[in-house]
Amino acid sequence: MKDKHFVIASGIIISILAVVWMLPVYALITTSLKTQQEVAMQDYLRLPQEPRLSNFVEAFDALKVGLRNSVIISLSATFLCVLIGSLAGYSLTGFGFRFATPLFFFIVVVTFLPYHVILIPITQFLNTLNLINTYSGLILIYVILNAPMATLITGTFFMKMPPELEEAALLDGCKPLTFYRKILIPVSLPGLISATILVFVQIYNEFLLGIVLTRGPDVKPVMPFLAELKGTQIAQWHIQMAGALITSAIPVIVFIFLGRYFISGLMAGYGKG
């Protein structure tokens, strides 16, 4: 009887939390379909009287350059981060490196440090290389800042791989790089996809560097464009909310198609000794 009451109470609490969590999403969707006059009433939970899909057209026209830039930058930087991170993770875990554990701890610390503390050195570094306001400059900085996270995720996954797998490959004459390319990568695909999703979303959603390291719209990522959608004299919340839905579509699509690998990649190997 107690278990039944616990299940019922848990279901009620979870349902309430789900409703509370979904309220901002509901307000986002309804606001994106309203007119300027309806938004001015500040009744954000009220359904729009005449839904306006033209808000999405206007928002997309303002965001399309930023969306293109973000896709180019995010895909390129994510690929390099996962490549470098997986190679670094394999190097730390596959060759008996004695300082692997403290180095992994250092990577954890670096991963969670706010990059704002090195914003000025980053800007000076790119300015010295003449890479301010370039795709290459943004990609380089995003790789520097996010490769440690990719190393941490892939390295943690590689630690759970059976050592017998590499030992058998070495006995068959398989060199380390060949083992990495032909055996480790295919076997570790869920972990690599998990790292790819986390790094991609982190880079795609980044805002501050997109403002500081760009000059004008040519290479600026989409998040600064989205912030500018609100307007200057009149707050165009309906246009900005439509833009928010458009910009969130790409990460959502990534999770839809790769989400089934995400949890399995993060949890894989935990039962192995």
Protein backbone atom coordinates (compact mmCIF):
# COMPACT_ATOMS: atom_id res chain seq x y z
CA MET A 1 0.00 0.00 0.00
CA LYS A 2 2.84 2.35 0.86
CA ASP A 3 4.48 1.67 -2.50
CA LYS A 4 1.22 2.49 -4.26
CA HIS A 5 0.90 5.79 -2.41
CA PHE A 6 4.52 6.59 -3.21
CA VAL A 7 3.97 5.93 -6.92
CA ILE A 8 0.84 8.11 -6.95
CA ALA A 9 2.57 10.95 -5.08
CA SER A 10 5.60 10.73 -7.36
CA GLY A 11 3.35 10.85 -10.44
CA ILE A 12 1.55 13.94 -9.16
CA ILE A 13 4.80 15.74 -8.34
CA ILE A 14 6.34 14.86 -11.71
CA SER A 15 3.18 16.02 -13.52
CA ILE A 16 3.23 19.35 -11.69
CA LEU A 17 6.92 19.85 -12.43
CA ALA A 18 6.33 18.95 -16.10
CA VAL A 19 3.55 21.56 -16.38
CA VAL A 20 5.73 24.21 -14.72
CA TRP A 21 8.64 23.33 -17.02
CA MET A 22 6.45 23.47 -20.13
CA LEU A 23 4.85 26.85 -19.30
CA PRO A 24 7.77 28.89 -20.74
CA VAL A 25 7.69 26.75 -23.89
CA TYR A 26 3.93 27.31 -24.19
CA ALA A 27 4.40 31.07 -23.72
CA LEU A 28 7.18 31.03 -26.32
CA ILE A 29 4.97 29.34 -28.93
CA THR A 30 1.87 31.47 -28.28
CA THR A 31 3.85 34.73 -28.28
CA SER A 32 5.52 33.83 -31.56
CA LEU A 33 2.08 33.68 -33.22
CA LYS A 34 0.69 36.94 -31.85
CA THR A 35 0.48 40.46 -33.23
CA GLN A 36 2.30 43.42 -31.74
CA GLN A 37 -0.97 44.61 -30.16
CA GLU A 38 -1.60 41.25 -28.48
CA VAL A 39 1.95 41.15 -27.13
CA ALA A 40 1.49 44.66 -25.70
CA MET A 41 -1.37 43.30 -23.55
CA GLN A 42 1.25 41.18 -21.70
CA ASP A 43 -1.14 38.25 -21.38
CA TYR A 44 1.48 35.72 -22.43
CA LEU A 45 -0.53 32.59 -21.67
CA ARG A 46 -3.51 33.65 -23.74
CA LEU A 47 -3.89 32.00 -27.13
CA PRO A 48 -3.44 34.28 -30.16
CA GLN A 49 -6.71 35.50 -31.67
CA GLU A 50 -5.37 35.42 -35.23
CA PRO A 51 -2.18 33.34 -35.45
CA ARG A 52 0.40 35.03 -37.66
CA LEU A 53 2.85 32.76 -39.45
CA SER A 54 4.32 35.87 -41.08
CA ASN A 55 6.26 36.40 -37.83
CA PHE A 56 8.36 33.35 -38.71
CA VAL A 57 8.99 34.63 -42.23
CA GLU A 58 10.17 37.99 -40.88
CA ALA A 59 12.33 36.32 -38.23
CA PHE A 60 13.90 33.91 -40.73
CA ASP A 61 14.77 36.75 -43.10
CA ALA A 62 16.63 38.45 -40.26
CA LEU A 63 18.34 35.26 -39.06
CA LYS A 64 19.25 33.43 -42.27
CA VAL A 65 22.79 34.86 -42.49
CA GLY A 66 23.45 34.02 -38.84
CA LEU A 67 22.02 30.51 -39.27
CA ARG A 68 24.36 29.91 -42.20
CA ASN A 69 27.34 31.19 -40.19
CA SER A 70 26.46 29.10 -37.13
CA VAL A 71 26.07 25.91 -39.16
CA ILE A 72 29.45 26.42 -40.85
CA ILE A 73 31.24 27.31 -37.61
CA SER A 74 29.53 24.72 -35.39
CA LEU A 75 29.98 21.77 -37.76
CA SER A 76 33.62 22.58 -38.49
CA ALA A 77 34.57 23.23 -34.86
CA THR A 78 32.65 20.19 -33.60
CA PHE A 79 34.38 17.86 -36.08
CA LEU A 80 37.81 19.16 -35.06
CA CYS A 81 36.97 19.02 -31.33
CA VAL A 82 35.81 15.40 -31.49
CA LEU A 83 38.76 14.39 -33.67
CA ILE A 84 41.33 16.05 -31.40
CA GLY A 85 39.47 15.00 -28.25
CA SER A 86 39.21 11.35 -29.27
CA LEU A 87 42.89 11.21 -30.22
CA ALA A 88 43.85 12.84 -26.92
CA GLY A 89 41.49 10.56 -24.98
CA TYR A 90 42.99 7.48 -26.64
CA SER A 91 46.53 8.71 -25.98
CA LEU A 92 45.78 9.24 -22.28
CA THR A 93 43.99 5.94 -21.72
CA GLY A 94 45.57 3.52 -24.19
CA PHE A 95 49.28 3.74 -23.46
CA GLY A 96 49.54 3.43 -19.68
CA PHE A 97 50.35 7.11 -19.18
CA ARG A 98 51.16 7.44 -15.47
CA PHE A 99 49.81 10.98 -15.10
CA ALA A 100 46.53 10.25 -16.89
CA THR A 101 44.36 10.53 -13.77
CA PRO A 102 45.65 13.95 -12.57
CA LEU A 103 45.59 15.20 -16.14
CA PHE A 104 41.95 14.14 -16.50
CA PHE A 105 41.21 15.99 -13.24
CA PHE A 106 42.89 19.08 -14.66
CA ILE A 107 40.81 18.77 -17.84
CA VAL A 108 37.65 18.60 -15.73
CA VAL A 109 38.63 21.81 -13.94
CA VAL A 110 39.47 23.58 -17.19
CA THR A 111 36.25 22.39 -18.84
CA PHE A 112 34.07 23.98 -16.17
CA LEU A 113 35.99 27.25 -15.83
CA PRO A 114 34.09 30.18 -17.38
CA TYR A 115 35.89 31.32 -20.51
CA HIS A 116 34.97 34.92 -19.68
CA VAL A 117 38.08 35.12 -17.48
CA ILE A 118 40.30 34.78 -20.57
CA LEU A 119 38.15 36.83 -22.94
CA ILE A 120 40.68 39.65 -23.29
CA PRO A 121 43.64 37.30 -23.99
CA ILE A 122 41.49 35.45 -26.53
CA THR A 123 40.71 38.70 -28.33
CA GLN A 124 44.36 39.79 -28.29
CA PHE A 125 45.46 36.36 -29.52
CA LEU A 126 43.12 36.45 -32.52
CA ASN A 127 43.98 40.07 -33.22
CA THR A 128 47.68 39.14 -33.36
CA LEU A 129 46.86 36.42 -35.90
CA ASN A 130 44.60 38.79 -37.88
CA LEU A 131 41.71 36.37 -37.38
CA ILE A 132 39.18 38.75 -35.85
CA ASN A 133 35.88 38.60 -37.77
CA THR A 134 36.77 35.41 -39.63
CA TYR A 135 35.37 31.90 -39.70
CA SER A 136 38.86 30.56 -39.00
CA GLY A 137 39.24 32.68 -35.87
CA LEU A 138 35.92 31.62 -34.37
CA ILE A 139 36.50 27.96 -35.24
CA LEU A 140 39.99 28.07 -33.70
CA ILE A 141 38.75 29.56 -30.41
CA TYR A 142 35.79 27.18 -30.19
CA VAL A 143 38.13 24.23 -30.74
CA ILE A 144 40.52 25.48 -28.05
CA LEU A 145 37.68 25.96 -25.55
CA ASN A 146 35.71 22.78 -26.29
CA ALA A 147 38.35 20.17 -27.17
CA PRO A 148 38.98 19.49 -23.44
CA MET A 149 35.31 18.56 -22.99
CA ALA A 150 35.50 16.22 -25.99
CA THR A 151 38.67 14.71 -24.52
CA LEU A 152 36.99 14.17 -21.17
CA ILE A 153 33.91 12.47 -22.65
CA THR A 154 35.71 10.25 -25.14
CA GLY A 155 38.53 9.45 -22.72
CA THR A 156 36.07 8.41 -20.02
CA PHE A 157 34.36 6.15 -22.54
CA PHE A 158 37.67 4.66 -23.71
CA MET A 159 38.54 3.84 -20.09
CA LYS A 160 35.59 1.45 -19.99
CA MET A 161 36.69 -0.45 -23.10
CA PRO A 162 37.96 -3.99 -22.41
CA PRO A 163 41.80 -3.95 -22.49
CA GLU A 164 41.68 -7.39 -24.08
CA LEU A 165 40.34 -5.75 -27.24
CA GLU A 166 43.50 -3.76 -27.84
CA GLU A 167 45.75 -6.59 -26.66
CA ALA A 168 44.21 -8.95 -29.22
CA ALA A 169 44.60 -6.32 -31.94
CA LEU A 170 48.26 -5.75 -31.06
CA LEU A 171 48.94 -9.50 -31.16
CA ASP A 172 47.51 -9.52 -34.67
CA GLY A 173 49.98 -6.81 -35.70
CA CYS A 174 47.51 -3.90 -35.55
CA LYS A 175 49.34 -0.60 -34.97
CA PRO A 176 47.87 1.95 -32.51
CA LEU A 177 46.67 4.37 -35.19
CA THR A 178 45.10 1.55 -37.18
CA PHE A 179 43.44 0.23 -34.01
CA TYR A 180 42.09 3.72 -33.30
CA ARG A 181 40.74 4.18 -36.82
CA LYS A 182 39.39 0.73 -37.64
CA ILE A 183 38.41 -0.75 -34.26
CA LEU A 184 38.17 1.85 -31.49
CA ILE A 185 36.13 4.43 -33.42
CA PRO A 186 33.45 1.98 -34.68
CA VAL A 187 33.14 0.31 -31.26
CA SER A 188 33.02 3.67 -29.46
CA LEU A 189 30.51 5.29 -31.83
CA PRO A 190 27.82 5.95 -29.15
CA GLY A 191 30.36 7.74 -26.96
CA LEU A 192 31.65 9.78 -29.88
CA ILE A 193 28.11 10.76 -30.83
CA SER A 194 27.45 11.85 -27.24
CA ALA A 195 30.54 14.06 -27.35
CA THR A 196 29.50 15.40 -30.75
CA ILE A 197 26.04 16.39 -29.53
CA LEU A 198 27.31 18.12 -26.38
CA VAL A 199 30.07 20.00 -28.19
CA PHE A 200 27.82 21.01 -31.09
CA VAL A 201 25.08 22.37 -28.83
CA GLN A 202 27.66 24.19 -26.69
CA ILE A 203 29.17 25.92 -29.72
CA TYR A 204 25.87 26.58 -31.49
CA ASN A 205 24.33 28.23 -28.39
CA GLU A 206 27.38 30.36 -27.57
CA PHE A 207 26.62 34.08 -27.48
CA LEU A 208 29.38 36.26 -26.04
CA LEU A 209 32.28 35.23 -28.30
CA GLY A 210 30.02 35.69 -31.32
CA ILE A 211 29.68 39.35 -30.40
CA VAL A 212 33.23 40.10 -29.21
CA LEU A 213 35.13 38.36 -32.03
CA THR A 214 33.07 39.61 -34.99
CA ARG A 215 32.59 42.94 -36.71
CA GLY A 216 29.34 43.09 -38.63
CA PRO A 217 27.08 40.34 -39.94
CA ASP A 218 29.43 38.54 -42.34
CA VAL A 219 30.58 35.79 -39.95
CA LYS A 220 28.50 36.56 -36.85
CA PRO A 221 26.74 33.46 -35.42
CA VAL A 222 22.99 33.30 -35.06
CA MET A 223 22.64 33.99 -31.31
CA PRO A 224 23.71 37.66 -31.54
CA PHE A 225 21.30 38.03 -34.46
CA LEU A 226 18.54 36.60 -32.28
CA ALA A 227 19.30 39.09 -29.48
CA GLU A 228 18.98 41.94 -31.99
CA LEU A 229 15.53 40.79 -33.09
CA LYS A 230 13.87 42.38 -30.06
CA GLY A 231 14.15 45.80 -31.69
CA THR A 232 15.47 49.12 -30.42
CA GLN A 233 12.49 51.42 -29.90
CA ILE A 234 9.60 48.95 -29.65
CA ALA A 235 10.11 45.50 -28.13
CA GLN A 236 9.11 43.04 -30.85
CA TRP A 237 8.77 40.04 -28.58
CA HIS A 238 6.62 38.17 -31.10
CA ILE A 239 9.36 38.35 -33.74
CA GLN A 240 12.08 37.39 -31.27
CA MET A 241 10.07 34.42 -29.99
CA ALA A 242 9.51 33.25 -33.56
CA GLY A 243 13.25 33.58 -34.11
CA ALA A 244 13.94 31.61 -30.93
CA LEU A 245 11.83 28.73 -32.25
CA ILE A 246 13.66 28.84 -35.58
CA THR A 247 17.13 28.85 -34.00
CA SER A 248 16.22 26.04 -31.60
CA ALA A 249 15.10 23.85 -34.50
CA ILE A 250 18.65 22.80 -35.42
CA PRO A 251 19.65 21.43 -31.96
CA VAL A 252 16.23 19.78 -31.68
CA ILE A 253 16.74 18.05 -35.04
CA VAL A 254 20.18 16.88 -33.90
CA PHE A 255 18.67 15.38 -30.73
CA ILE A 256 15.82 13.76 -32.68
CA PHE A 257 18.13 11.93 -35.05
CA LEU A 258 21.02 11.21 -32.66
CA GLY A 259 19.26 11.21 -29.29
CA ARG A 260 18.96 7.43 -29.11
CA TYR A 261 22.77 7.23 -29.06
CA PHE A 262 23.10 10.00 -26.47
CA ILE A 263 22.08 8.27 -23.23
CA SER A 264 23.51 4.92 -24.32
CA GLY A 265 26.79 6.64 -25.13
CA LEU A 266 27.01 8.38 -21.78
CA MET A 267 25.98 5.29 -19.81
CA ALA A 268 27.82 2.64 -21.83
CA GLY A 269 30.45 0.73 -19.95
CA TYR A 270 29.34 1.63 -16.45
CA GLY A 271 28.63 -2.00 -15.70
CA LYS A 272 32.05 -3.15 -16.78
CA GLY A 273 34.81 -3.75 -14.36
